[in-house]
Amino acid sequence: MMPGRDALNLRLLDEWQRDFPLKPRPFAVIGARFGMHETEVIDRFASLIDASAVTRIGATLSPNTAGASTLAALAAPPERVETIAATIGAEPGVNHSYLREHHWNLWFVATGPDREAVRGSLARIARKTGQPVLDLPLLRPFVLDLGFPLDGGRARKIACRVGDRTAIRPGDRAILQALTDGLPLVPRPFAAIGEALELAEAAVIERIGALSAAGIISRFGVIVRHRALGWTSNAMVVWDVSHEEAGRAGPILAAEQGITLCYERRPAPPAWPHRLFAMIHARSRAEAMAVLGRASAVAGLGEAPHAVLFSLRCFKQRGALVDADRRMREVMA
C-alpha cells in the first residue's frame, strides 16, 4: 500500500501542510499530538518522501519577494518531448516542469535570485532547445495555496498577502534556500540548518518566524505530490479576458472550492492571449470539469474564450531557487 494511503500518514499530511512547529524538536511536537515518538514521525515522513508522496517539508515563498519567478512554456514536437524536458529540468532555477495537453505542451516555472537570472534561464533553454519560450510573469495573485485537504473536504482558503521585502535581512536568503530545498529529517532540523550556516538554532527559528510574519514565507509545512496521492486529474484553465475582467472574475474563482490556484499573468499575444489562470486539482476528469463548470458560471466566464490544459506528466518538482551560490555548494558537496 502506498504509504500516503495509511490513515495515520494521511493525518500527518493533512494536518501539517502548514504551520509546521517552530520548535527545537518539531517532530517531537507532532509525535506528542499523535502518541508517537519523534523517531517514528521522522521515519514516516522519510517513507513518504521515498515513495514520492511528499516533495519535502519546507517553505513555499510569496512570488517575487525573496527572489523572482515566472511561468514559461514551449511547444515541443512529440518526438522531442523527453529530450527537451530533460534540458528544461537541467536548468537549476526550474523548480516545476509538466507536460500538458496543448500545442504549448511543456510548462515550467523558472525561479532565481532576481529577474535577470530568470531571463537568463529562459534564454539558455530557448538556445539549447531551438524553441521559442513563452514568458508569462505574474501580475496579480488571487489564491496561491496548494495546502488543501487530501480527503476532499472543504478547503480553508488563505488570502494572498503581499510579502514585505524590507523584512529580509543579510543571511535570510541562505535560510530560505535551506527551507525551499527541504528541512533535514533529524530530531533538531533547525540546529542542523544553523550548523551549516554558522547560526544558532534559536536564530534560525526566529528568522523563520519573522519571515513568515512578513509574508515572505507563504506556507511552511509538508509539500505533497498530489498526483501520487490520488489527485490525478489536474487541469490548468486559462481565459482570454481583459485586465479589468480578470480583476473582477479572479477573486470569485479563487473563492470556489476546487480552485487551488488563481492568478493573472502577463499575456504574450498573439501566441498566448490568455491572462487569467486557475488550477483545478481533482480525482477524475469528470470531477475537474464539474468544478470548472460551476466556477466559471459563478464567475460569469461562461462565454469567455478559454482552454483546459490537463497535466499528463510531472518531470520536476522542487523548491524555488533564491540563493544560487548556496544551492550550487550543496549540489557539489
Protein backbone atom coordinates (compact mmCIF):
# COMPACT_ATOMS: atom_id res chain seq x y z
CA MET A 1 0.00 0.00 0.00
CA MET A 2 1.23 3.47 -0.86
CA PRO A 3 2.48 5.00 2.44
CA GLY A 4 0.28 8.03 1.81
CA ARG A 5 -2.86 5.85 1.99
CA ASP A 6 -2.15 4.85 5.58
CA ALA A 7 -4.71 6.60 7.81
CA LEU A 8 -2.09 7.98 10.20
CA ASN A 9 0.11 9.16 7.35
CA LEU A 10 -2.85 10.95 5.78
CA ARG A 11 -3.43 12.77 9.06
CA LEU A 12 0.25 13.72 9.20
CA LEU A 13 -0.04 15.13 5.68
CA ASP A 14 -3.36 16.88 6.11
CA GLU A 15 -2.66 18.48 9.47
CA TRP A 16 0.90 19.64 8.77
CA GLN A 17 0.72 21.15 5.30
CA ARG A 18 1.08 24.48 7.06
CA ASP A 19 2.03 25.84 10.48
CA PHE A 20 4.86 23.34 10.97
CA PRO A 21 6.09 23.67 14.59
CA LEU A 22 8.77 26.30 15.01
CA LYS A 23 10.26 24.47 17.98
CA PRO A 24 13.73 22.99 18.51
CA ARG A 25 12.29 19.44 18.24
CA PRO A 26 9.33 19.86 15.85
CA PHE A 27 8.91 16.14 15.15
CA ALA A 28 8.55 15.52 18.89
CA VAL A 29 5.78 18.15 18.99
CA ILE A 30 3.97 16.37 16.16
CA GLY A 31 4.55 13.00 17.79
CA ALA A 32 3.02 14.19 21.05
CA ARG A 33 -0.21 15.01 19.21
CA PHE A 34 -0.39 11.52 17.70
CA GLY A 35 1.01 9.48 20.58
CA MET A 36 4.20 8.65 18.66
CA HIS A 37 7.89 9.03 19.38
CA GLU A 38 9.64 11.62 17.23
CA THR A 39 11.69 8.85 15.60
CA GLU A 40 8.53 7.26 14.21
CA VAL A 41 7.33 10.64 12.91
CA ILE A 42 10.65 11.19 11.13
CA ASP A 43 10.58 7.64 9.72
CA ARG A 44 7.04 8.13 8.41
CA PHE A 45 7.91 11.39 6.68
CA ALA A 46 11.04 9.78 5.23
CA SER A 47 8.98 6.90 3.81
CA LEU A 48 6.52 9.38 2.27
CA ILE A 49 9.37 11.24 0.58
CA ASP A 50 10.91 7.97 -0.63
CA ALA A 51 7.52 6.96 -2.08
CA SER A 52 7.24 10.34 -3.89
CA ALA A 53 4.09 11.19 -1.93
CA VAL A 54 5.91 14.18 -0.41
CA THR A 55 8.39 16.51 -2.10
CA ARG A 56 9.83 17.91 1.10
CA ILE A 57 8.99 19.51 4.41
CA GLY A 58 9.78 23.16 3.96
CA ALA A 59 8.65 26.55 2.79
CA THR A 60 6.85 27.99 -0.17
CA LEU A 61 7.60 31.65 -0.79
CA SER A 62 5.39 34.51 -1.86
CA PRO A 63 6.12 35.20 -5.54
CA ASN A 64 8.76 37.77 -6.38
CA THR A 65 9.66 38.67 -2.81
CA ALA A 66 12.88 36.87 -1.82
CA GLY A 67 13.57 36.12 -5.48
CA ALA A 68 11.95 36.21 -8.91
CA SER A 69 9.89 33.71 -10.87
CA THR A 70 7.82 33.27 -14.00
CA LEU A 71 5.61 30.67 -15.63
CA ALA A 72 7.00 29.63 -19.00
CA ALA A 73 6.07 27.26 -21.80
CA LEU A 74 7.30 25.96 -25.11
CA ALA A 75 5.85 23.81 -27.88
CA ALA A 76 7.88 20.63 -28.07
CA PRO A 77 7.45 18.33 -31.07
CA PRO A 78 6.11 14.97 -29.80
CA GLU A 79 9.29 13.13 -30.74
CA ARG A 80 11.42 15.62 -28.76
CA VAL A 81 9.34 15.92 -25.56
CA GLU A 82 11.66 13.73 -23.47
CA THR A 83 14.85 15.44 -24.69
CA ILE A 84 13.51 18.96 -24.29
CA ALA A 85 12.02 18.17 -20.88
CA ALA A 86 15.44 16.94 -19.76
CA THR A 87 17.03 20.18 -20.98
CA ILE A 88 14.45 22.22 -19.08
CA GLY A 89 14.89 20.14 -15.94
CA ALA A 90 18.67 20.53 -16.02
CA GLU A 91 18.33 24.29 -15.53
CA PRO A 92 18.94 24.88 -11.78
CA GLY A 93 16.27 27.58 -11.47
CA VAL A 94 13.46 25.43 -12.88
CA ASN A 95 11.51 24.07 -9.94
CA HIS A 96 8.35 22.73 -11.62
CA SER A 97 8.02 21.16 -15.06
CA TYR A 98 4.93 19.50 -16.55
CA LEU A 99 3.66 18.03 -19.80
CA ARG A 100 0.15 19.32 -20.56
CA GLU A 101 -2.45 18.68 -23.24
CA HIS A 102 -1.93 21.59 -25.63
CA HIS A 103 0.18 22.77 -28.55
CA TRP A 104 2.20 24.64 -25.90
CA ASN A 105 2.80 21.37 -24.10
CA LEU A 106 5.83 21.79 -21.81
CA TRP A 107 5.15 24.16 -18.92
CA PHE A 108 7.63 25.11 -16.25
CA VAL A 109 8.31 27.62 -13.50
CA ALA A 110 11.67 29.36 -13.67
CA THR A 111 12.99 30.89 -10.44
CA GLY A 112 16.10 32.77 -9.47
CA PRO A 113 17.53 35.38 -7.12
CA ASP A 114 16.32 38.17 -9.44
CA ARG A 115 14.55 38.81 -12.73
CA GLU A 116 17.83 38.91 -14.64
CA ALA A 117 18.63 35.37 -13.50
CA VAL A 118 15.19 34.17 -14.60
CA ARG A 119 15.61 35.78 -18.04
CA GLY A 120 18.97 34.06 -18.32
CA SER A 121 17.37 30.66 -17.61
CA LEU A 122 14.74 31.19 -20.29
CA ALA A 123 17.33 32.34 -22.81
CA ARG A 124 19.50 29.28 -22.20
CA ILE A 125 16.52 26.95 -22.57
CA ALA A 126 15.47 28.64 -25.83
CA ARG A 127 19.01 28.43 -27.18
CA LYS A 128 19.57 24.78 -26.21
CA THR A 129 16.18 23.55 -27.44
CA GLY A 130 15.87 25.76 -30.51
CA GLN A 131 12.28 26.52 -29.48
CA PRO A 132 10.71 29.90 -28.61
CA VAL A 133 9.77 30.21 -24.95
CA LEU A 134 6.69 31.98 -23.60
CA ASP A 135 7.47 34.20 -20.60
CA LEU A 136 4.30 34.80 -18.55
CA PRO A 137 5.20 36.68 -15.35
CA LEU A 138 2.72 37.05 -12.51
CA LEU A 139 0.70 40.26 -12.40
CA ARG A 140 -1.86 39.62 -9.65
CA PRO A 141 -2.32 36.59 -7.38
CA PHE A 142 -5.85 35.75 -6.20
CA VAL A 143 -5.14 32.46 -4.42
CA LEU A 144 -1.81 30.63 -4.27
CA ASP A 145 -2.12 27.77 -1.81
CA LEU A 146 -1.88 24.07 -2.59
CA GLY A 147 -2.33 23.06 1.06
CA PHE A 148 -5.83 21.66 0.62
CA PRO A 149 -7.43 18.65 2.42
CA LEU A 150 -6.47 15.36 0.84
CA ASP A 151 -9.75 13.70 1.84
CA GLY A 152 -11.70 16.01 -0.45
CA GLY A 153 -13.05 18.08 2.45
CA ARG A 154 -13.72 21.77 2.29
CA ALA A 155 -10.50 23.72 1.83
CA ARG A 156 -9.59 26.60 4.13
CA LYS A 157 -8.92 29.42 1.67
CA ILE A 158 -5.90 31.51 2.60
CA ALA A 159 -5.93 35.05 1.27
CA CYS A 160 -2.88 36.12 -0.72
CA ARG A 161 -0.59 38.50 1.10
CA VAL A 162 1.93 40.92 -0.30
CA GLY A 163 5.24 39.99 1.25
CA ASP A 164 7.19 42.75 2.96
CA ARG A 165 10.57 42.61 1.25
CA THR A 166 12.03 45.06 3.77
CA ALA A 167 11.87 42.27 6.35
CA ILE A 168 14.66 40.34 4.57
CA ARG A 169 18.00 40.64 6.35
CA PRO A 170 21.51 39.59 5.31
CA GLY A 171 21.74 35.83 5.63
CA ASP A 172 18.00 35.22 5.24
CA ARG A 173 18.28 34.01 1.65
CA ALA A 174 20.50 31.15 2.78
CA ILE A 175 17.89 30.15 5.36
CA LEU A 176 15.14 30.40 2.76
CA GLN A 177 17.14 28.25 0.34
CA ALA A 178 17.53 25.60 3.01
CA LEU A 179 13.77 25.65 3.60
CA THR A 180 12.85 25.52 -0.09
CA ASP A 181 15.30 22.61 -0.56
CA GLY A 182 13.77 20.79 2.39
CA LEU A 183 14.07 20.53 6.15
CA PRO A 184 16.59 17.90 7.31
CA LEU A 185 14.79 14.84 8.72
CA VAL A 186 16.63 14.84 12.04
CA PRO A 187 15.40 15.49 15.60
CA ARG A 188 16.74 19.08 15.62
CA PRO A 189 16.41 20.24 11.99
CA PHE A 190 16.78 23.94 12.73
CA ALA A 191 20.01 23.26 14.58
CA ALA A 192 21.23 21.32 11.53
CA ILE A 193 20.45 24.29 9.28
CA GLY A 194 22.13 26.61 11.76
CA GLU A 195 25.26 24.47 11.88
CA ALA A 196 25.55 24.61 8.08
CA LEU A 197 25.09 28.38 8.09
CA GLU A 198 27.08 29.10 11.28
CA LEU A 199 23.96 30.35 13.06
CA ALA A 200 22.47 29.47 16.40
CA GLU A 201 19.38 27.25 16.38
CA ALA A 202 17.34 29.96 18.10
CA ALA A 203 18.39 32.50 15.47
CA VAL A 204 17.22 30.22 12.63
CA ILE A 205 13.84 29.70 14.32
CA GLU A 206 13.47 33.42 14.98
CA ARG A 207 14.19 34.36 11.37
CA ILE A 208 11.75 31.77 10.01
CA GLY A 209 9.07 33.18 12.29
CA ALA A 210 9.85 36.75 11.22
CA LEU A 211 9.84 35.88 7.51
CA SER A 212 6.53 34.05 7.92
CA ALA A 213 5.00 37.02 9.74
CA ALA A 214 6.22 39.33 6.96
CA GLY A 215 4.57 37.17 4.29
CA ILE A 216 7.87 36.21 2.64
CA ILE A 217 7.19 32.60 3.61
CA SER A 218 3.63 31.94 2.49
CA ARG A 219 3.40 28.39 3.82
CA PHE A 220 5.70 26.28 5.98
CA GLY A 221 4.93 22.58 6.23
CA VAL A 222 4.59 19.37 4.25
CA ILE A 223 4.72 19.85 0.47
CA VAL A 224 2.82 16.92 -1.02
CA ARG A 225 2.76 15.39 -4.50
CA HIS A 226 -0.96 15.40 -5.18
CA ARG A 227 -0.84 13.06 -8.17
CA ALA A 228 0.80 10.30 -6.09
CA LEU A 229 -1.99 10.65 -3.52
CA GLY A 230 -4.86 10.16 -5.95
CA TRP A 231 -5.36 13.68 -7.32
CA THR A 232 -4.52 12.59 -10.85
CA SER A 233 -6.79 14.81 -12.97
CA ASN A 234 -5.26 18.24 -12.64
CA ALA A 235 -6.04 20.98 -15.10
CA MET A 236 -4.73 24.46 -15.76
CA VAL A 237 -7.60 26.55 -17.13
CA VAL A 238 -6.86 29.82 -18.93
CA TRP A 239 -9.19 32.59 -20.12
CA ASP A 240 -8.65 35.28 -22.72
CA VAL A 241 -10.10 38.27 -20.87
CA SER A 242 -9.15 41.88 -20.26
CA HIS A 243 -7.17 43.09 -17.29
CA GLU A 244 -10.37 44.57 -15.85
CA GLU A 245 -12.31 41.35 -16.33
CA ALA A 246 -9.52 39.35 -14.72
CA GLY A 247 -9.67 41.65 -11.71
CA ARG A 248 -13.43 41.12 -11.42
CA ALA A 249 -13.56 37.37 -12.01
CA GLY A 250 -10.31 36.32 -10.35
CA PRO A 251 -11.39 36.76 -6.71
CA ILE A 252 -14.68 34.97 -7.43
CA LEU A 253 -12.87 31.99 -8.95
CA ALA A 254 -10.37 31.97 -6.08
CA ALA A 255 -13.16 31.60 -3.53
CA GLU A 256 -14.62 28.50 -5.19
CA GLN A 257 -13.96 25.05 -3.74
CA GLY A 258 -11.81 23.01 -6.11
CA ILE A 259 -9.87 26.03 -7.40
CA THR A 260 -6.43 25.63 -5.85
CA LEU A 261 -4.53 28.39 -7.66
CA CYS A 262 -5.78 31.51 -9.40
CA TYR A 263 -3.85 34.48 -10.74
CA GLU A 264 -3.43 36.96 -13.55
CA ARG A 265 -0.32 36.71 -15.73
CA ARG A 266 1.00 38.96 -18.44
CA PRO A 267 -0.14 37.51 -21.78
CA ALA A 268 2.12 37.09 -24.79
CA PRO A 269 -0.08 37.76 -27.85
CA PRO A 270 -0.60 36.58 -30.45
CA ALA A 271 0.86 33.23 -29.41
CA TRP A 272 -0.68 33.33 -25.93
CA PRO A 273 -3.54 35.82 -25.37
CA HIS A 274 -4.73 34.29 -22.06
CA ARG A 275 -4.14 36.26 -18.88
CA LEU A 276 -6.45 34.69 -16.25
CA PHE A 277 -5.26 31.30 -14.91
CA ALA A 278 -6.83 28.83 -12.49
CA MET A 279 -5.64 25.41 -11.35
CA ILE A 280 -8.03 22.59 -10.53
CA HIS A 281 -6.83 19.51 -8.65
CA ALA A 282 -9.31 16.63 -8.91
CA ARG A 283 -9.50 12.85 -8.70
CA SER A 284 -11.15 12.40 -12.11
CA ARG A 285 -11.67 14.40 -15.29
CA ALA A 286 -15.39 14.46 -14.66
CA GLU A 287 -14.79 15.97 -11.22
CA ALA A 288 -12.40 18.56 -12.66
CA MET A 289 -14.84 19.56 -15.39
CA ALA A 290 -17.66 19.81 -12.86
CA VAL A 291 -15.54 22.21 -10.78
CA LEU A 292 -14.77 24.22 -13.91
CA GLY A 293 -18.41 24.40 -14.97
CA ARG A 294 -19.57 25.57 -11.55
CA ALA A 295 -16.73 28.04 -11.00
CA SER A 296 -16.88 29.61 -14.47
CA ALA A 297 -20.65 30.07 -14.18
CA VAL A 298 -20.37 31.73 -10.77
CA ALA A 299 -17.59 33.99 -12.05
CA GLY A 300 -19.55 34.93 -15.18
CA LEU A 301 -16.96 33.43 -17.52
CA GLY A 302 -19.22 31.01 -19.38
CA GLU A 303 -18.85 32.85 -22.70
CA ALA A 304 -15.20 33.85 -22.35
CA PRO A 305 -12.69 32.15 -24.71
CA HIS A 306 -10.77 29.61 -22.69
CA ALA A 307 -8.65 26.47 -22.84
CA VAL A 308 -8.31 23.50 -20.48
CA LEU A 309 -4.82 22.02 -20.20
CA PHE A 310 -4.81 18.73 -18.28
CA SER A 311 -1.48 17.65 -16.81
CA LEU A 312 -0.10 14.46 -18.31
CA ARG A 313 3.23 14.12 -16.54
CA CYS A 314 5.38 15.80 -13.92
CA PHE A 315 9.05 15.98 -14.87
CA LYS A 316 10.35 18.06 -11.97
CA GLN A 317 9.06 19.38 -8.65
CA ARG A 318 11.25 21.06 -6.05
CA GLY A 319 11.63 24.31 -4.14
CA ALA A 320 12.46 27.69 -5.65
CA LEU A 321 15.98 28.97 -6.27
CA VAL A 322 16.64 32.06 -4.16
CA ASP A 323 20.34 31.67 -3.28
CA ALA A 324 22.20 30.26 -6.28
CA ASP A 325 25.57 30.07 -4.53
CA ARG A 326 24.23 28.02 -1.64
CA ARG A 327 22.36 25.54 -3.83
CA MET A 328 25.42 25.07 -6.03
CA ARG A 329 27.59 24.37 -2.98
CA GLU A 330 25.09 21.74 -1.80
CA VAL A 331 24.97 20.10 -5.25
CA MET A 332 28.77 19.88 -5.32
CA ALA A 333 29.11 18.67 -1.71
